[in-house]
Amino acid sequence: VALLMTDVVMPGGMSGPQLAAEALRRRPDLKVLFTSGYADPAVLARAQLDPSAPMLAKPYRHSDLVRAVRAALDRKPG
């Protein structure tokens, strides 16, 4: 697995950033791409999303997804 793509806000108690933190703890080399239908910065702040994290806003086109995945995979750590 090279990339984790997760929604920022998920049902059931765990957020996307929490999922990513746990996945990165287990696989530090993993790349992460977040997606969200919420444009409100307050919602993203409550989810504790790093503002520099790769984000793909919903709705998105196939071409946007392809570009975002490529950019996330090419992103340098740190």
N, C-alpha and C. Protein backbone atom coordinates (compact mmCIF):
# COMPACT_ATOMS: atom_id res chain seq x y z
N VAL A 1 0.85 -1.17 0.00
CA VAL A 1 0.00 0.00 0.00
C VAL A 1 0.89 1.23 0.00
N ALA A 2 0.68 2.10 -0.97
CA ALA A 2 1.50 3.31 -1.09
C ALA A 2 0.74 4.56 -0.65
N LEU A 3 -0.60 4.52 -0.70
CA LEU A 3 -1.40 5.72 -0.45
C LEU A 3 -2.66 5.36 0.33
N LEU A 4 -2.94 6.15 1.35
CA LEU A 4 -4.20 6.08 2.08
C LEU A 4 -5.01 7.30 1.66
N MET A 5 -6.19 7.06 1.11
CA MET A 5 -7.11 8.15 0.79
C MET A 5 -8.29 8.00 1.73
N THR A 6 -8.55 9.05 2.50
CA THR A 6 -9.59 8.98 3.50
C THR A 6 -10.37 10.29 3.56
N ASP A 7 -11.64 10.16 3.90
CA ASP A 7 -12.45 11.34 4.13
C ASP A 7 -12.02 11.97 5.44
N VAL A 8 -12.14 13.27 5.57
CA VAL A 8 -11.78 13.96 6.80
C VAL A 8 -12.77 13.61 7.90
N VAL A 9 -14.05 13.69 7.59
CA VAL A 9 -15.11 13.43 8.57
C VAL A 9 -15.71 12.06 8.26
N MET A 10 -15.64 11.17 9.25
CA MET A 10 -16.17 9.81 9.06
C MET A 10 -17.10 9.47 10.22
N PRO A 11 -18.06 8.60 9.97
CA PRO A 11 -18.95 8.18 11.06
C PRO A 11 -18.23 7.20 11.99
N GLY A 12 -18.73 7.09 13.20
CA GLY A 12 -18.22 6.05 14.09
C GLY A 12 -17.17 6.49 15.08
N GLY A 13 -16.83 7.76 15.09
CA GLY A 13 -15.92 8.23 16.12
C GLY A 13 -14.51 8.54 15.68
N MET A 14 -13.94 7.80 14.73
CA MET A 14 -12.58 8.08 14.28
C MET A 14 -12.64 9.00 13.07
N SER A 15 -11.81 10.04 13.10
CA SER A 15 -11.75 10.95 11.96
C SER A 15 -10.70 10.48 10.98
N GLY A 16 -10.72 11.06 9.80
CA GLY A 16 -9.70 10.75 8.81
C GLY A 16 -8.29 11.08 9.29
N PRO A 17 -8.09 12.25 9.91
CA PRO A 17 -6.76 12.55 10.44
C PRO A 17 -6.32 11.56 11.53
N GLN A 18 -7.24 11.09 12.34
CA GLN A 18 -6.88 10.08 13.35
C GLN A 18 -6.48 8.77 12.67
N LEU A 19 -7.24 8.38 11.65
CA LEU A 19 -6.90 7.17 10.90
C LEU A 19 -5.52 7.31 10.27
N ALA A 20 -5.26 8.46 9.68
CA ALA A 20 -3.97 8.69 9.03
C ALA A 20 -2.84 8.64 10.05
N ALA A 21 -3.04 9.24 11.21
CA ALA A 21 -1.99 9.23 12.24
C ALA A 21 -1.66 7.80 12.66
N GLU A 22 -2.67 6.98 12.84
CA GLU A 22 -2.43 5.58 13.22
C GLU A 22 -1.75 4.81 12.08
N ALA A 23 -2.20 5.03 10.86
CA ALA A 23 -1.59 4.35 9.71
C ALA A 23 -0.12 4.78 9.56
N LEU A 24 0.15 6.07 9.75
CA LEU A 24 1.53 6.56 9.63
C LEU A 24 2.41 6.06 10.77
N ARG A 25 1.82 5.85 11.92
CA ARG A 25 2.57 5.28 13.04
C ARG A 25 3.07 3.88 12.67
N ARG A 26 2.22 3.16 11.97
CA ARG A 26 2.56 1.78 11.58
C ARG A 26 3.42 1.73 10.32
N ARG A 27 3.19 2.71 9.41
CA ARG A 27 3.93 2.78 8.14
C ARG A 27 4.33 4.20 7.86
N PRO A 28 5.46 4.63 8.39
CA PRO A 28 5.88 6.03 8.25
C PRO A 28 6.06 6.49 6.80
N ASP A 29 6.28 5.57 5.88
CA ASP A 29 6.48 5.94 4.48
C ASP A 29 5.18 6.08 3.69
N LEU A 30 4.05 5.82 4.33
CA LEU A 30 2.75 5.89 3.68
C LEU A 30 2.42 7.32 3.29
N LYS A 31 1.89 7.51 2.11
CA LYS A 31 1.40 8.82 1.66
C LYS A 31 -0.09 8.89 1.98
N VAL A 32 -0.59 10.09 2.25
CA VAL A 32 -1.99 10.28 2.64
C VAL A 32 -2.61 11.38 1.79
N LEU A 33 -3.83 11.13 1.36
CA LEU A 33 -4.64 12.12 0.64
C LEU A 33 -6.00 12.19 1.32
N PHE A 34 -6.38 13.39 1.74
CA PHE A 34 -7.68 13.58 2.38
C PHE A 34 -8.68 14.09 1.36
N THR A 35 -9.93 13.78 1.60
CA THR A 35 -11.02 14.31 0.80
C THR A 35 -12.13 14.76 1.74
N SER A 36 -12.91 15.74 1.30
CA SER A 36 -14.00 16.21 2.14
C SER A 36 -15.02 16.98 1.30
N GLY A 37 -16.26 16.86 1.70
CA GLY A 37 -17.33 17.64 1.10
C GLY A 37 -17.58 18.92 1.88
N TYR A 38 -16.86 19.09 2.99
CA TYR A 38 -17.02 20.28 3.83
C TYR A 38 -15.98 21.31 3.46
N ALA A 39 -16.43 22.47 3.06
CA ALA A 39 -15.52 23.55 2.71
C ALA A 39 -15.29 24.48 3.91
N ASP A 40 -16.11 24.33 4.95
CA ASP A 40 -16.03 25.20 6.11
C ASP A 40 -14.73 24.95 6.88
N PRO A 41 -13.87 25.95 6.99
CA PRO A 41 -12.61 25.77 7.72
C PRO A 41 -12.82 25.33 9.17
N ALA A 42 -13.94 25.71 9.79
CA ALA A 42 -14.20 25.32 11.17
C ALA A 42 -14.38 23.80 11.28
N VAL A 43 -15.03 23.21 10.30
CA VAL A 43 -15.22 21.74 10.30
C VAL A 43 -13.86 21.06 10.18
N LEU A 44 -13.03 21.56 9.27
CA LEU A 44 -11.71 20.96 9.07
C LEU A 44 -10.83 21.17 10.30
N ALA A 45 -10.96 22.31 10.94
CA ALA A 45 -10.18 22.57 12.16
C ALA A 45 -10.60 21.63 13.28
N ARG A 46 -11.90 21.39 13.43
CA ARG A 46 -12.38 20.46 14.46
C ARG A 46 -11.85 19.05 14.22
N ALA A 47 -11.65 18.70 12.97
CA ALA A 47 -11.13 17.38 12.64
C ALA A 47 -9.62 17.32 12.84
N GLN A 48 -9.02 18.44 13.21
CA GLN A 48 -7.58 18.53 13.48
C GLN A 48 -6.75 18.15 12.25
N LEU A 49 -7.15 18.67 11.13
CA LEU A 49 -6.44 18.42 9.88
C LEU A 49 -5.33 19.45 9.71
N ASP A 50 -4.14 18.98 9.47
CA ASP A 50 -2.99 19.85 9.21
C ASP A 50 -3.30 20.66 7.94
N PRO A 51 -3.22 21.98 8.00
CA PRO A 51 -3.54 22.80 6.82
C PRO A 51 -2.68 22.50 5.61
N SER A 52 -1.50 21.92 5.81
CA SER A 52 -0.63 21.60 4.67
C SER A 52 -0.90 20.21 4.09
N ALA A 53 -1.82 19.47 4.70
CA ALA A 53 -2.12 18.11 4.23
C ALA A 53 -2.77 18.16 2.84
N PRO A 54 -2.42 17.22 1.97
CA PRO A 54 -3.06 17.17 0.65
C PRO A 54 -4.56 16.94 0.79
N MET A 55 -5.35 17.79 0.12
CA MET A 55 -6.80 17.75 0.24
C MET A 55 -7.45 17.82 -1.13
N LEU A 56 -8.43 16.97 -1.35
CA LEU A 56 -9.22 16.96 -2.57
C LEU A 56 -10.67 17.25 -2.17
N ALA A 57 -11.18 18.38 -2.59
CA ALA A 57 -12.54 18.78 -2.23
C ALA A 57 -13.57 18.04 -3.08
N LYS A 58 -14.65 17.63 -2.43
CA LYS A 58 -15.77 17.00 -3.14
C LYS A 58 -16.74 18.09 -3.57
N PRO A 59 -17.45 17.92 -4.63
CA PRO A 59 -17.30 16.83 -5.60
C PRO A 59 -16.07 17.09 -6.47
N TYR A 60 -15.49 16.02 -6.98
CA TYR A 60 -14.32 16.16 -7.84
C TYR A 60 -14.51 15.31 -9.09
N ARG A 61 -13.79 15.69 -10.11
CA ARG A 61 -13.82 14.96 -11.37
C ARG A 61 -12.75 13.88 -11.36
N HIS A 62 -12.89 12.94 -12.24
CA HIS A 62 -11.90 11.87 -12.37
C HIS A 62 -10.50 12.46 -12.59
N SER A 63 -10.42 13.45 -13.45
CA SER A 63 -9.12 14.07 -13.74
C SER A 63 -8.52 14.75 -12.50
N ASP A 64 -9.39 15.33 -11.65
CA ASP A 64 -8.91 15.94 -10.40
C ASP A 64 -8.36 14.87 -9.46
N LEU A 65 -9.05 13.74 -9.41
CA LEU A 65 -8.61 12.62 -8.57
C LEU A 65 -7.25 12.11 -9.04
N VAL A 66 -7.10 11.94 -10.32
CA VAL A 66 -5.83 11.45 -10.88
C VAL A 66 -4.70 12.40 -10.52
N ARG A 67 -4.92 13.70 -10.68
CA ARG A 67 -3.88 14.69 -10.36
C ARG A 67 -3.55 14.69 -8.86
N ALA A 68 -4.58 14.61 -8.03
CA ALA A 68 -4.37 14.64 -6.58
C ALA A 68 -3.63 13.40 -6.09
N VAL A 69 -3.97 12.24 -6.64
CA VAL A 69 -3.27 11.01 -6.27
C VAL A 69 -1.81 11.09 -6.69
N ARG A 70 -1.56 11.54 -7.91
CA ARG A 70 -0.18 11.67 -8.39
C ARG A 70 0.62 12.63 -7.51
N ALA A 71 0.02 13.77 -7.18
CA ALA A 71 0.70 14.77 -6.35
C ALA A 71 0.97 14.22 -4.94
N ALA A 72 0.02 13.48 -4.38
CA ALA A 72 0.21 12.89 -3.05
C ALA A 72 1.34 11.86 -3.08
N LEU A 73 1.37 11.05 -4.11
CA LEU A 73 2.41 10.02 -4.23
C LEU A 73 3.79 10.65 -4.45
N ASP A 74 3.84 11.77 -5.13
CA ASP A 74 5.11 12.43 -5.43
C ASP A 74 5.59 13.35 -4.30
N ARG A 75 4.72 13.61 -3.34
CA ARG A 75 5.05 14.54 -2.26
C ARG A 75 6.20 14.03 -1.40
N LYS A 76 7.12 14.92 -1.10
CA LYS A 76 8.25 14.59 -0.25
C LYS A 76 7.80 14.55 1.21
N PRO A 77 8.36 13.65 2.01
CA PRO A 77 7.97 13.58 3.44
C PRO A 77 8.33 14.87 4.17
N GLY A 78 7.52 15.14 5.20
CA GLY A 78 7.82 16.29 6.05
C GLY A 78 7.10 17.48 5.70
